[in-house]
Protein backbone atom coordinates (compact mmCIF):
# COMPACT_ATOMS: atom_id res chain seq x y z
CA UNK A 1 151.23 129.02 107.69
CA UNK A 2 153.85 130.89 109.40
CA UNK A 3 151.08 130.95 112.29
CA UNK A 4 150.78 127.44 112.17
CA UNK A 5 151.95 124.48 114.84
CA UNK A 6 153.49 123.38 111.15
CA UNK A 7 155.43 126.58 111.04
CA UNK A 8 158.70 125.46 112.31
CA UNK A 9 158.07 122.03 110.07
CA UNK A 10 157.64 124.11 106.72
CA UNK A 11 160.48 126.60 107.51
CA UNK A 12 158.57 129.61 105.34
CA UNK A 13 159.84 132.76 105.11
CA UNK A 14 157.87 136.39 104.41
CA UNK A 15 159.98 136.47 101.28
CA UNK A 16 158.31 133.25 100.29
CA UNK A 17 154.43 134.06 101.89
CA UNK A 18 154.22 136.99 99.93
CA UNK A 19 154.92 135.87 96.40
CA UNK A 20 152.68 132.27 97.15
CA UNK A 21 149.81 133.92 98.80
CA UNK A 22 147.29 134.78 97.36
CA UNK A 23 145.33 137.48 99.96
CA UNK A 24 147.23 140.24 98.05
CA UNK A 25 146.21 139.11 94.25
CA UNK A 26 144.20 140.78 91.63
CA UNK A 27 141.67 138.80 90.42
CA UNK A 28 138.75 138.79 88.10
CA UNK A 29 135.57 139.65 88.71
CA UNK A 30 134.24 137.77 86.94
CA UNK A 31 135.07 133.84 89.33
CA UNK A 32 132.82 132.34 91.06
CA UNK A 33 134.53 131.05 94.13
CA UNK A 34 133.95 128.17 96.84
CA UNK A 35 136.44 128.75 99.48
CA UNK A 36 135.57 125.44 101.84
CA UNK A 37 137.22 124.80 105.11
CA UNK A 38 137.51 121.18 107.41
CA UNK A 39 135.38 122.06 110.65
CA UNK A 40 138.16 120.35 112.60
CA UNK A 41 140.98 122.21 110.83
CA UNK A 42 143.15 124.78 113.46
CA UNK A 43 142.00 128.31 114.40
CA UNK A 44 144.41 129.98 111.25
CA UNK A 45 142.97 127.84 108.42
CA UNK A 46 139.64 129.17 109.81
CA UNK A 47 140.84 132.83 109.58
CA UNK A 48 143.00 132.30 106.86
CA UNK A 49 140.12 131.51 104.79
CA UNK A 50 137.47 134.42 106.24
CA UNK A 51 140.90 136.98 105.17
CA UNK A 52 140.90 135.11 101.76
CA UNK A 53 136.88 135.83 101.59
CA UNK A 54 136.58 138.97 102.61
CA UNK A 55 139.97 140.30 100.17
CA UNK A 56 137.96 138.15 97.05
CA UNK A 57 134.73 140.00 98.10
CA UNK A 58 136.08 143.18 98.03
CA UNK A 59 137.25 142.54 94.45
CA UNK A 60 134.04 142.21 93.35
CA UNK A 61 134.07 138.24 92.86
CA UNK A 62 130.76 135.96 93.84
CA UNK A 63 132.26 134.03 97.13
CA UNK A 64 130.18 131.26 98.82
CA UNK A 65 132.35 129.18 102.34
CA UNK A 66 131.60 126.07 103.56
CA UNK A 67 132.28 124.45 106.36
CA UNK A 68 133.12 120.80 105.47
CA UNK A 69 131.96 118.66 108.73
CA UNK A 70 134.34 116.06 110.33
CA UNK A 71 137.55 116.96 108.25
CA UNK A 72 141.27 118.37 108.04
CA UNK A 73 143.46 120.07 105.39
CA UNK A 74 144.31 116.65 104.42
CA UNK A 75 140.94 114.86 104.36
CA UNK A 76 139.34 117.96 102.70
CA UNK A 77 141.39 117.98 99.94
CA UNK A 78 141.32 113.66 99.80
CA UNK A 79 137.31 113.72 99.38
CA UNK A 80 137.20 116.14 96.80
CA UNK A 81 137.27 112.89 94.73
CA UNK A 82 135.22 111.07 96.67
CA UNK A 83 131.60 110.01 95.92
CA UNK A 84 129.02 111.37 98.14
CA UNK A 85 131.48 113.65 100.26
CA UNK A 86 130.41 116.97 101.17
CA UNK A 87 133.89 118.01 99.60
CA UNK A 88 132.93 116.32 96.34
CA UNK A 89 128.85 117.37 96.37
CA UNK A 90 130.42 121.07 96.75
CA UNK A 91 132.85 120.65 94.17
CA UNK A 92 129.86 119.36 92.28
CA UNK A 93 127.63 122.19 92.72
CA UNK A 94 129.78 124.67 91.79
CA UNK A 95 131.42 123.30 88.17
CA UNK A 96 127.59 122.80 87.86
CA UNK A 97 126.68 126.71 88.87
CA UNK A 98 129.58 127.80 86.66
CA UNK A 99 128.67 125.35 83.57
CA UNK A 100 125.21 125.73 83.45
CA UNK A 101 125.27 122.00 83.22
CA UNK A 102 122.39 120.86 85.72
CA UNK A 103 123.94 118.10 88.51
């Protein structure tokens, strides 16, 4: 976020980045992760998604990435609860894959 055009608005400190960012955390390698990023996002969001995916893969987690066409940071989150959107379908697929329930 400190590299984003929003940096002046959010005024996040280096300490807050270190404390809240998952990029330096360890995760359970049995976890399956789906990283989705809106295709209309700014470059820092795409860079963060790629770096986080690599971080998780290096820890042995199963990671897949999805680019959601025509959406940005806000609409991609909203679309998780909107049936027949790419984000919602991706969420349903992830939940089905980890629960063993067929779609």
